[in-house]
Each structure stands twice: as C-alpha cells, then as structure tokens.
Amino acid sequence: MLKHILTSLTGGPVTEAAPAPADPALAELAGKLDKAAKARLGRSLSIREVDAGSCNGCELEIHALNNPIYDLERFGIRFVASPRHADVLLVTGPVARNMREALIRTWDATPGPKWLVACGDCAVNGGLFAGGYACVGPVEEVLPVDLRIPGCPPRPTDLLAGLLALLETSAAR
C-alpha cells in the first residue's frame, strides 16, 4: 500500500494534455458561429441546456464550453438560466418519464425563433438507456428535433460545429 501512495505522490497527474489556449481553428469556428448568429438573429446566440435524464457526461463537455480554453462568452454566445431568454434548447440524455412534461413546458416557454438540439447518443437514440422502464426514449419521441449531435459524450468542438451548422442551414420555428 505504501508503494502505491508513494507512486501517486511522486508521479504526475494521469490526464490528457489541454489543447493550446490560442488554438486558431477553435477561434475561427467560434467566430463563425457568432457571425452566423448575428446574421440570423441580429444578436448573439442564447442557449438553455436541459438535462432530461442523462448520466452528466454530456453536461461536462457542455460546461467545458465556458472554461478558459473555449470561452464562448468572448464571442457573445452564452448560456441562459431561463428558457424565456433562449434561442436554442440543448437537450441531453434520454427523456425520463418524470421529465417529459417539464421538457414540453420548457419548449413552450421558449420564444420563437427557436431550435431544439439533441446532444449526445442518449438524446439522439436512447443510448444505453433505450428501452428502459424509466425512459420515454430519445428527445425526438417527445418534441421535433432540429439538430442531432451524436457522441458519448460529444466533444466541445463538435458542439460548436453543430450549432454553426444549425444556424447556417435550418429555419427556426
């Protein structure tokens, strides 16, 4: 036991290296997203994240969008606390039976123009929870989805690319 403690104290952390803080591709992608939002909406994009029953893996990647590496706030893209201020509902997880009505109410409270994004394999197709007794199923079984971002969990750059594609190609409801 002492050997394991000494190894952990003297060794470095076992993590992946962080991407370069000044990644030009990331800055370009986020800049394009901000320009597309301003062209489509006339202002910055506001996102409301809804956890409909996930394992929180997708939420960790979504929260990474606000860390110093990705820093969406510098491009004017922000997460909001109320669906009444949102343009996009970003839904994670399979829809749990007890979250079905809450998801519908959140969608109804979101003013137009608005989009619904299913984020992660569970939201797209039920993932590991498909067919479970506590799940209604993927988001699409409750509300019409405008964009599906697969992955378990999707990377922050995949989220940015998906939001950019959403603004450039689809019409809001």
N, C-alpha and C. Protein backbone atom coordinates (compact mmCIF):
# COMPACT_ATOMS: atom_id res chain seq x y z
N MET A 1 0.82 -1.19 0.00
CA MET A 1 0.00 0.00 0.00
C MET A 1 0.87 1.25 0.00
N LEU A 2 1.93 1.23 0.79
CA LEU A 2 2.84 2.36 0.85
C LEU A 2 3.46 2.64 -0.51
N LYS A 3 3.74 1.59 -1.27
CA LYS A 3 4.32 1.74 -2.60
C LYS A 3 3.37 2.51 -3.52
N HIS A 4 2.08 2.21 -3.47
CA HIS A 4 1.09 2.90 -4.30
C HIS A 4 0.94 4.36 -3.89
N ILE A 5 0.99 4.63 -2.62
CA ILE A 5 0.89 6.01 -2.14
C ILE A 5 2.10 6.81 -2.59
N LEU A 6 3.29 6.25 -2.48
CA LEU A 6 4.50 6.96 -2.92
C LEU A 6 4.48 7.18 -4.42
N THR A 7 4.03 6.20 -5.18
CA THR A 7 3.96 6.35 -6.63
C THR A 7 3.00 7.47 -7.02
N SER A 8 1.85 7.53 -6.36
CA SER A 8 0.88 8.57 -6.70
C SER A 8 1.35 9.96 -6.26
N LEU A 9 2.12 10.04 -5.18
CA LEU A 9 2.62 11.33 -4.72
C LEU A 9 3.78 11.84 -5.56
N THR A 10 4.63 10.94 -6.03
CA THR A 10 5.81 11.36 -6.79
C THR A 10 5.54 11.47 -8.29
N GLY A 11 4.54 10.75 -8.80
CA GLY A 11 4.22 10.81 -10.22
C GLY A 11 3.33 12.00 -10.53
N GLY A 12 3.25 12.32 -11.79
CA GLY A 12 2.40 13.43 -12.22
C GLY A 12 0.97 12.98 -12.37
N PRO A 13 0.09 13.91 -12.67
CA PRO A 13 -1.32 13.56 -12.86
C PRO A 13 -1.50 12.74 -14.13
N VAL A 14 -2.46 11.86 -14.10
CA VAL A 14 -2.74 11.00 -15.25
C VAL A 14 -3.93 11.61 -15.99
N THR A 15 -3.67 12.63 -16.78
CA THR A 15 -4.72 13.29 -17.55
C THR A 15 -4.20 13.58 -18.94
N GLU A 16 -5.11 13.94 -19.82
CA GLU A 16 -4.73 14.35 -21.16
C GLU A 16 -4.23 15.79 -21.11
N ALA A 17 -3.34 16.09 -22.02
CA ALA A 17 -2.86 17.46 -22.10
C ALA A 17 -3.97 18.35 -22.65
N ALA A 18 -4.05 19.56 -22.13
CA ALA A 18 -5.07 20.51 -22.60
C ALA A 18 -4.68 21.04 -23.97
N PRO A 19 -5.68 21.37 -24.80
CA PRO A 19 -5.34 21.98 -26.08
C PRO A 19 -4.72 23.36 -25.87
N ALA A 20 -4.01 23.80 -26.87
CA ALA A 20 -3.37 25.11 -26.78
C ALA A 20 -4.43 26.19 -26.57
N PRO A 21 -4.22 27.13 -25.63
CA PRO A 21 -5.22 28.15 -25.35
C PRO A 21 -5.53 29.04 -26.55
N ALA A 22 -4.57 29.24 -27.42
CA ALA A 22 -4.78 30.12 -28.57
C ALA A 22 -4.92 29.31 -29.85
N ASP A 23 -5.74 28.27 -29.82
CA ASP A 23 -5.96 27.43 -30.99
C ASP A 23 -6.69 28.24 -32.06
N PRO A 24 -6.04 28.54 -33.19
CA PRO A 24 -6.68 29.39 -34.19
C PRO A 24 -7.91 28.75 -34.83
N ALA A 25 -7.94 27.42 -34.97
CA ALA A 25 -9.10 26.76 -35.56
C ALA A 25 -10.31 26.90 -34.66
N LEU A 26 -10.10 26.81 -33.35
CA LEU A 26 -11.19 26.96 -32.40
C LEU A 26 -11.72 28.39 -32.42
N ALA A 27 -10.83 29.35 -32.45
CA ALA A 27 -11.26 30.75 -32.50
C ALA A 27 -12.02 31.04 -33.80
N GLU A 28 -11.57 30.45 -34.89
CA GLU A 28 -12.25 30.66 -36.16
C GLU A 28 -13.65 30.04 -36.14
N LEU A 29 -13.77 28.83 -35.58
CA LEU A 29 -15.07 28.17 -35.51
C LEU A 29 -16.04 28.96 -34.64
N ALA A 30 -15.60 29.40 -33.48
CA ALA A 30 -16.47 30.18 -32.60
C ALA A 30 -16.81 31.53 -33.22
N GLY A 31 -15.86 32.14 -33.92
CA GLY A 31 -16.13 33.40 -34.60
C GLY A 31 -17.18 33.25 -35.70
N LYS A 32 -17.10 32.15 -36.45
CA LYS A 32 -18.11 31.88 -37.48
C LYS A 32 -19.48 31.68 -36.86
N LEU A 33 -19.51 31.00 -35.72
CA LEU A 33 -20.77 30.77 -35.02
C LEU A 33 -21.39 32.09 -34.58
N ASP A 34 -20.58 32.99 -34.05
CA ASP A 34 -21.08 34.29 -33.62
C ASP A 34 -21.59 35.10 -34.80
N LYS A 35 -20.85 35.10 -35.92
CA LYS A 35 -21.28 35.85 -37.11
C LYS A 35 -22.59 35.28 -37.67
N ALA A 36 -22.71 33.94 -37.69
CA ALA A 36 -23.94 33.33 -38.18
C ALA A 36 -25.12 33.67 -37.28
N ALA A 37 -24.90 33.71 -35.97
CA ALA A 37 -25.98 34.06 -35.04
C ALA A 37 -26.41 35.50 -35.26
N LYS A 38 -25.46 36.39 -35.43
CA LYS A 38 -25.81 37.80 -35.63
C LYS A 38 -26.50 38.01 -36.97
N ALA A 39 -26.09 37.25 -38.00
CA ALA A 39 -26.75 37.36 -39.29
C ALA A 39 -28.17 36.81 -39.25
N ARG A 40 -28.36 35.70 -38.55
CA ARG A 40 -29.67 35.04 -38.50
C ARG A 40 -30.61 35.71 -37.51
N LEU A 41 -30.10 36.05 -36.32
CA LEU A 41 -30.95 36.57 -35.25
C LEU A 41 -30.82 38.07 -35.03
N GLY A 42 -29.74 38.66 -35.53
CA GLY A 42 -29.49 40.08 -35.29
C GLY A 42 -28.83 40.32 -33.95
N ARG A 43 -28.47 39.28 -33.25
CA ARG A 43 -27.83 39.37 -31.93
C ARG A 43 -27.09 38.08 -31.66
N SER A 44 -26.55 37.96 -30.47
CA SER A 44 -25.82 36.76 -30.08
C SER A 44 -26.78 35.60 -29.81
N LEU A 45 -26.22 34.40 -29.81
CA LEU A 45 -26.98 33.19 -29.58
C LEU A 45 -27.09 32.91 -28.08
N SER A 46 -28.29 32.57 -27.62
CA SER A 46 -28.52 32.22 -26.22
C SER A 46 -28.97 30.77 -26.16
N ILE A 47 -28.35 30.00 -25.27
CA ILE A 47 -28.60 28.56 -25.18
C ILE A 47 -29.11 28.22 -23.79
N ARG A 48 -30.16 27.42 -23.74
CA ARG A 48 -30.66 26.87 -22.48
C ARG A 48 -30.42 25.37 -22.52
N GLU A 49 -29.63 24.86 -21.61
CA GLU A 49 -29.33 23.43 -21.54
C GLU A 49 -30.36 22.77 -20.65
N VAL A 50 -30.92 21.64 -21.12
CA VAL A 50 -31.92 20.89 -20.35
C VAL A 50 -31.42 19.45 -20.21
N ASP A 51 -31.27 19.01 -18.98
CA ASP A 51 -30.90 17.63 -18.69
C ASP A 51 -32.20 16.86 -18.53
N ALA A 52 -32.50 16.00 -19.51
CA ALA A 52 -33.77 15.27 -19.48
C ALA A 52 -33.62 13.88 -18.86
N GLY A 53 -32.46 13.60 -18.27
CA GLY A 53 -32.25 12.31 -17.63
C GLY A 53 -30.91 11.68 -17.98
N SER A 54 -29.90 12.48 -18.18
CA SER A 54 -28.61 11.96 -18.64
C SER A 54 -27.73 11.49 -17.48
N CYS A 55 -26.57 10.94 -17.86
CA CYS A 55 -25.59 10.49 -16.86
C CYS A 55 -24.63 11.61 -16.49
N ASN A 56 -24.78 12.79 -17.06
CA ASN A 56 -23.98 14.00 -16.85
C ASN A 56 -22.67 14.03 -17.63
N GLY A 57 -22.41 13.03 -18.47
CA GLY A 57 -21.22 13.07 -19.32
C GLY A 57 -21.30 14.21 -20.32
N CYS A 58 -22.45 14.38 -20.95
CA CYS A 58 -22.63 15.45 -21.93
C CYS A 58 -22.55 16.83 -21.26
N GLU A 59 -23.07 16.92 -20.05
CA GLU A 59 -23.03 18.20 -19.34
C GLU A 59 -21.61 18.64 -19.07
N LEU A 60 -20.73 17.69 -18.77
CA LEU A 60 -19.32 18.05 -18.54
C LEU A 60 -18.71 18.69 -19.78
N GLU A 61 -19.02 18.14 -20.94
CA GLU A 61 -18.49 18.71 -22.18
C GLU A 61 -19.16 20.04 -22.51
N ILE A 62 -20.43 20.17 -22.21
CA ILE A 62 -21.13 21.44 -22.44
C ILE A 62 -20.57 22.52 -21.52
N HIS A 63 -20.32 22.17 -20.27
CA HIS A 63 -19.75 23.14 -19.34
C HIS A 63 -18.33 23.52 -19.74
N ALA A 64 -17.63 22.64 -20.43
CA ALA A 64 -16.29 22.97 -20.90
C ALA A 64 -16.31 24.13 -21.90
N LEU A 65 -17.43 24.34 -22.56
CA LEU A 65 -17.53 25.46 -23.49
C LEU A 65 -17.35 26.81 -22.79
N ASN A 66 -17.56 26.86 -21.49
CA ASN A 66 -17.39 28.11 -20.73
C ASN A 66 -16.04 28.21 -20.05
N ASN A 67 -15.18 27.18 -20.16
CA ASN A 67 -13.89 27.25 -19.49
C ASN A 67 -12.93 28.16 -20.27
N PRO A 68 -11.75 28.46 -19.73
CA PRO A 68 -10.84 29.40 -20.38
C PRO A 68 -10.32 28.94 -21.75
N ILE A 69 -10.40 27.65 -22.04
CA ILE A 69 -9.91 27.17 -23.34
C ILE A 69 -10.88 27.53 -24.45
N TYR A 70 -12.17 27.25 -24.25
CA TYR A 70 -13.16 27.51 -25.29
C TYR A 70 -13.80 28.89 -25.13
N ASP A 71 -14.13 29.29 -23.93
CA ASP A 71 -14.59 30.64 -23.57
C ASP A 71 -15.57 31.24 -24.56
N LEU A 72 -16.76 30.66 -24.64
CA LEU A 72 -17.78 31.14 -25.57
C LEU A 72 -18.23 32.57 -25.31
N GLU A 73 -18.13 33.00 -24.08
CA GLU A 73 -18.57 34.35 -23.74
C GLU A 73 -17.82 35.41 -24.54
N ARG A 74 -16.57 35.15 -24.89
CA ARG A 74 -15.81 36.16 -25.65
C ARG A 74 -16.38 36.37 -27.04
N PHE A 75 -17.18 35.39 -27.53
CA PHE A 75 -17.81 35.52 -28.84
C PHE A 75 -19.28 35.91 -28.72
N GLY A 76 -19.72 36.19 -27.50
CA GLY A 76 -21.10 36.61 -27.30
C GLY A 76 -22.09 35.47 -27.17
N ILE A 77 -21.64 34.24 -27.29
CA ILE A 77 -22.54 33.09 -27.15
C ILE A 77 -22.63 32.78 -25.67
N ARG A 78 -23.85 32.61 -25.18
CA ARG A 78 -23.99 32.44 -23.74
C ARG A 78 -25.06 31.42 -23.40
N PHE A 79 -24.92 30.88 -22.21
CA PHE A 79 -25.94 30.00 -21.65
C PHE A 79 -26.81 30.85 -20.74
N VAL A 80 -28.12 30.63 -20.82
CA VAL A 80 -29.06 31.42 -20.03
C VAL A 80 -29.79 30.50 -19.05
N ALA A 81 -30.29 31.10 -17.99
CA ALA A 81 -30.94 30.35 -16.92
C ALA A 81 -32.42 30.12 -17.17
N SER A 82 -33.00 30.83 -18.09
CA SER A 82 -34.43 30.72 -18.33
C SER A 82 -34.70 30.41 -19.80
N PRO A 83 -35.65 29.53 -20.08
CA PRO A 83 -35.99 29.28 -21.49
C PRO A 83 -36.61 30.51 -22.15
N ARG A 84 -37.10 31.43 -21.36
CA ARG A 84 -37.70 32.65 -21.93
C ARG A 84 -36.67 33.56 -22.58
N HIS A 85 -35.40 33.32 -22.31
CA HIS A 85 -34.32 34.12 -22.90
C HIS A 85 -33.53 33.34 -23.94
N ALA A 86 -33.94 32.12 -24.26
CA ALA A 86 -33.14 31.22 -25.09
C ALA A 86 -33.58 31.21 -26.55
N ASP A 87 -32.62 30.93 -27.42
CA ASP A 87 -32.88 30.68 -28.84
C ASP A 87 -32.80 29.18 -29.13
N VAL A 88 -31.97 28.49 -28.36
CA VAL A 88 -31.71 27.06 -28.56
C VAL A 88 -31.95 26.32 -27.26
N LEU A 89 -32.70 25.21 -27.33
CA LEU A 89 -32.78 24.28 -26.21
C LEU A 89 -31.82 23.14 -26.54
N LEU A 90 -30.82 22.97 -25.72
CA LEU A 90 -29.81 21.92 -25.90
C LEU A 90 -30.14 20.82 -24.90
N VAL A 91 -30.73 19.72 -25.38
CA VAL A 91 -31.24 18.67 -24.51
C VAL A 91 -30.28 17.49 -24.48
N THR A 92 -29.96 17.04 -23.27
CA THR A 92 -29.09 15.88 -23.10
C THR A 92 -29.85 14.76 -22.42
N GLY A 93 -29.43 13.55 -22.70
CA GLY A 93 -29.99 12.37 -22.05
C GLY A 93 -31.27 11.89 -22.70
N PRO A 94 -31.61 10.63 -22.43
CA PRO A 94 -32.91 10.15 -22.88
C PRO A 94 -33.97 10.83 -22.03
N VAL A 95 -35.13 11.03 -22.57
CA VAL A 95 -36.17 11.72 -21.80
C VAL A 95 -36.74 10.75 -20.78
N ALA A 96 -36.51 11.06 -19.51
CA ALA A 96 -37.06 10.25 -18.43
C ALA A 96 -38.56 10.52 -18.33
N ARG A 97 -39.29 9.54 -17.86
CA ARG A 97 -40.75 9.70 -17.76
C ARG A 97 -41.13 10.92 -16.92
N ASN A 98 -40.38 11.17 -15.85
CA ASN A 98 -40.72 12.31 -14.99
C ASN A 98 -40.23 13.64 -15.56
N MET A 99 -39.47 13.63 -16.66
CA MET A 99 -39.00 14.87 -17.29
C MET A 99 -39.76 15.22 -18.57
N ARG A 100 -40.62 14.33 -19.02
CA ARG A 100 -41.33 14.55 -20.29
C ARG A 100 -42.14 15.84 -20.25
N GLU A 101 -42.98 16.00 -19.26
CA GLU A 101 -43.83 17.19 -19.15
C GLU A 101 -42.99 18.45 -18.94
N ALA A 102 -41.92 18.35 -18.16
CA ALA A 102 -41.05 19.52 -17.93
C ALA A 102 -40.37 19.95 -19.22
N LEU A 103 -39.97 18.99 -20.05
CA LEU A 103 -39.33 19.32 -21.33
C LEU A 103 -40.33 20.01 -22.26
N ILE A 104 -41.54 19.52 -22.30
CA ILE A 104 -42.57 20.13 -23.14
C ILE A 104 -42.87 21.56 -22.66
N ARG A 105 -42.98 21.75 -21.37
CA ARG A 105 -43.24 23.09 -20.83
C ARG A 105 -42.08 24.05 -21.11
N THR A 106 -40.87 23.54 -21.02
CA THR A 106 -39.70 24.37 -21.31
C THR A 106 -39.71 24.79 -22.77
N TRP A 107 -40.03 23.86 -23.67
CA TRP A 107 -40.11 24.18 -25.10
C TRP A 107 -41.20 25.22 -25.35
N ASP A 108 -42.35 25.06 -24.71
CA ASP A 108 -43.45 26.01 -24.89
C ASP A 108 -43.11 27.39 -24.35
N ALA A 109 -42.25 27.47 -23.33
CA ALA A 109 -41.87 28.75 -22.74
C ALA A 109 -40.79 29.47 -23.54
N THR A 110 -40.16 28.77 -24.47
CA THR A 110 -39.09 29.37 -25.27
C THR A 110 -39.72 30.16 -26.42
N PRO A 111 -39.39 31.45 -26.53
CA PRO A 111 -39.98 32.26 -27.62
C PRO A 111 -39.33 31.94 -28.96
N GLY A 112 -40.06 32.18 -30.02
CA GLY A 112 -39.52 31.97 -31.37
C GLY A 112 -38.70 33.16 -31.80
N PRO A 113 -37.81 33.03 -32.73
CA PRO A 113 -37.43 31.78 -33.39
C PRO A 113 -36.62 30.90 -32.43
N LYS A 114 -36.83 29.59 -32.53
CA LYS A 114 -36.17 28.68 -31.60
C LYS A 114 -35.81 27.38 -32.30
N TRP A 115 -34.81 26.72 -31.74
CA TRP A 115 -34.37 25.43 -32.25
C TRP A 115 -34.26 24.45 -31.09
N LEU A 116 -34.37 23.16 -31.40
CA LEU A 116 -34.20 22.10 -30.42
C LEU A 116 -33.06 21.21 -30.88
N VAL A 117 -32.05 21.05 -30.02
CA VAL A 117 -30.88 20.25 -30.35
C VAL A 117 -30.80 19.07 -29.40
N ALA A 118 -30.69 17.86 -29.96
CA ALA A 118 -30.48 16.65 -29.17
C ALA A 118 -28.97 16.42 -29.10
N CYS A 119 -28.43 16.46 -27.90
CA CYS A 119 -26.99 16.40 -27.70
C CYS A 119 -26.59 15.08 -27.04
N GLY A 120 -25.78 14.29 -27.73
CA GLY A 120 -25.30 13.03 -27.19
C GLY A 120 -26.13 11.85 -27.68
N ASP A 121 -25.53 10.67 -27.64
CA ASP A 121 -26.19 9.47 -28.13
C ASP A 121 -27.50 9.18 -27.42
N CYS A 122 -27.57 9.43 -26.13
CA CYS A 122 -28.80 9.14 -25.38
C CYS A 122 -29.95 10.02 -25.85
N ALA A 123 -29.68 11.28 -26.13
CA ALA A 123 -30.73 12.18 -26.61
C ALA A 123 -31.10 11.89 -28.05
N VAL A 124 -30.15 11.39 -28.83
CA VAL A 124 -30.38 11.11 -30.24
C VAL A 124 -31.16 9.81 -30.44
N ASN A 125 -30.74 8.73 -29.75
CA ASN A 125 -31.37 7.44 -29.99
C ASN A 125 -31.66 6.62 -28.73
N GLY A 126 -31.52 7.21 -27.58
CA GLY A 126 -31.76 6.50 -26.32
C GLY A 126 -30.50 5.94 -25.70
N GLY A 127 -29.44 5.74 -26.50
CA GLY A 127 -28.15 5.28 -25.99
C GLY A 127 -28.27 4.02 -25.16
N LEU A 128 -27.54 3.98 -24.07
CA LEU A 128 -27.55 2.84 -23.17
C LEU A 128 -28.89 2.63 -22.50
N PHE A 129 -29.68 3.68 -22.41
CA PHE A 129 -30.94 3.63 -21.68
C PHE A 129 -32.13 3.28 -22.57
N ALA A 130 -31.91 3.04 -23.86
CA ALA A 130 -33.00 2.74 -24.79
C ALA A 130 -33.78 1.52 -24.31
N GLY A 131 -35.08 1.65 -24.27
CA GLY A 131 -35.94 0.56 -23.85
C GLY A 131 -36.08 0.40 -22.35
N GLY A 132 -35.43 1.26 -21.58
CA GLY A 132 -35.52 1.18 -20.13
C GLY A 132 -36.90 1.58 -19.63
N TYR A 133 -37.29 1.04 -18.52
CA TYR A 133 -38.63 1.29 -17.97
C TYR A 133 -38.84 2.74 -17.55
N ALA A 134 -37.77 3.45 -17.21
CA ALA A 134 -37.90 4.82 -16.72
C ALA A 134 -37.79 5.86 -17.83
N CYS A 135 -37.56 5.43 -19.06
CA CYS A 135 -37.33 6.36 -20.16
C CYS A 135 -38.46 6.33 -21.18
N VAL A 136 -38.84 7.51 -21.63
CA VAL A 136 -39.77 7.64 -22.74
C VAL A 136 -39.06 7.27 -24.03
N GLY A 137 -37.79 7.65 -24.14
CA GLY A 137 -36.99 7.39 -25.33
C GLY A 137 -36.17 8.61 -25.68
N PRO A 138 -35.71 8.68 -26.93
CA PRO A 138 -34.94 9.85 -27.34
C PRO A 138 -35.81 11.11 -27.38
N VAL A 139 -35.19 12.25 -27.46
CA VAL A 139 -35.88 13.54 -27.45
C VAL A 139 -36.91 13.61 -28.57
N GLU A 140 -36.60 13.02 -29.70
CA GLU A 140 -37.47 13.09 -30.87
C GLU A 140 -38.84 12.44 -30.63
N GLU A 141 -38.95 11.57 -29.64
CA GLU A 141 -40.25 10.97 -29.33
C GLU A 141 -41.15 11.92 -28.55
N VAL A 142 -40.57 13.01 -28.05
CA VAL A 142 -41.36 13.99 -27.29
C VAL A 142 -41.57 15.27 -28.08
N LEU A 143 -40.53 15.78 -28.72
CA LEU A 143 -40.59 17.03 -29.48
C LEU A 143 -39.81 16.87 -30.79
N PRO A 144 -40.16 17.65 -31.82
CA PRO A 144 -39.40 17.58 -33.07
C PRO A 144 -38.01 18.20 -32.90
N VAL A 145 -36.99 17.48 -33.35
CA VAL A 145 -35.60 17.88 -33.17
C VAL A 145 -35.08 18.53 -34.46
N ASP A 146 -34.37 19.66 -34.31
CA ASP A 146 -33.79 20.36 -35.45
C ASP A 146 -32.38 19.88 -35.77
N LEU A 147 -31.64 19.45 -34.75
CA LEU A 147 -30.26 19.03 -34.95
C LEU A 147 -29.92 17.92 -33.97
N ARG A 148 -29.19 16.93 -34.47
CA ARG A 148 -28.71 15.83 -33.62
C ARG A 148 -27.19 15.88 -33.59
N ILE A 149 -26.61 15.94 -32.40
CA ILE A 149 -25.16 15.93 -32.25
C ILE A 149 -24.80 14.62 -31.54
N PRO A 150 -24.33 13.60 -32.29
CA PRO A 150 -24.02 12.32 -31.67
C PRO A 150 -22.72 12.36 -30.90
N GLY A 151 -22.49 11.33 -30.12
CA GLY A 151 -21.26 11.20 -29.35
C GLY A 151 -21.60 10.83 -27.93
N CYS A 152 -20.68 10.15 -27.30
CA CYS A 152 -20.91 9.73 -25.92
C CYS A 152 -19.68 10.04 -25.08
N PRO A 153 -19.54 11.26 -24.64
CA PRO A 153 -20.26 12.48 -24.98
C PRO A 153 -19.63 13.17 -26.18
N PRO A 154 -20.35 14.08 -26.83
CA PRO A 154 -19.76 14.84 -27.93
C PRO A 154 -18.72 15.83 -27.40
N ARG A 155 -17.67 16.03 -28.17
CA ARG A 155 -16.62 16.97 -27.77
C ARG A 155 -17.11 18.41 -27.91
N PRO A 156 -16.53 19.33 -27.17
CA PRO A 156 -16.95 20.73 -27.30
C PRO A 156 -16.84 21.27 -28.72
N THR A 157 -15.82 20.86 -29.46
CA THR A 157 -15.71 21.34 -30.85
C THR A 157 -16.84 20.78 -31.71
N ASP A 158 -17.30 19.56 -31.42
CA ASP A 158 -18.45 19.01 -32.14
C ASP A 158 -19.71 19.82 -31.82
N LEU A 159 -19.84 20.25 -30.58
CA LEU A 159 -20.99 21.08 -30.20
C LEU A 159 -20.97 22.41 -30.95
N LEU A 160 -19.81 23.03 -31.02
CA LEU A 160 -19.68 24.31 -31.74
C LEU A 160 -20.00 24.14 -33.22
N ALA A 161 -19.44 23.08 -33.82
CA ALA A 161 -19.69 22.83 -35.24
C ALA A 161 -21.16 22.55 -35.50
N GLY A 162 -21.81 21.83 -34.59
CA GLY A 162 -23.23 21.55 -34.75
C GLY A 162 -24.08 22.80 -34.66
N LEU A 163 -23.77 23.66 -33.70
CA LEU A 163 -24.52 24.91 -33.57
C LEU A 163 -24.33 25.81 -34.79
N LEU A 164 -23.12 25.82 -35.33
CA LEU A 164 -22.86 26.59 -36.55
C LEU A 164 -23.68 26.05 -37.71
N ALA A 165 -23.69 24.74 -37.87
CA ALA A 165 -24.48 24.13 -38.94
C ALA A 165 -25.97 24.43 -38.77
N LEU A 166 -26.43 24.43 -37.54
CA LEU A 166 -27.83 24.73 -37.25
C LEU A 166 -28.18 26.14 -37.72
N LEU A 167 -27.34 27.11 -37.39
CA LEU A 167 -27.63 28.49 -37.76
C LEU A 167 -27.51 28.73 -39.26
N GLU A 168 -26.61 28.01 -39.90
CA GLU A 168 -26.38 28.24 -41.34
C GLU A 168 -27.41 27.56 -42.23
N THR A 169 -28.00 26.45 -41.75
CA THR A 169 -28.83 25.67 -42.67
C THR A 169 -30.29 25.58 -42.33
N SER A 170 -30.67 25.52 -41.07
CA SER A 170 -32.07 25.24 -40.77
C SER A 170 -32.85 26.49 -40.40
N ALA A 171 -34.13 26.44 -40.70
CA ALA A 171 -35.03 27.54 -40.35
C ALA A 171 -35.56 27.31 -38.95
N ALA A 172 -35.64 28.36 -38.18
CA ALA A 172 -36.16 28.27 -36.82
C ALA A 172 -37.68 28.17 -36.85
N ARG A 173 -38.22 27.66 -35.75
CA ARG A 173 -39.67 27.56 -35.62
C ARG A 173 -40.21 28.68 -34.79
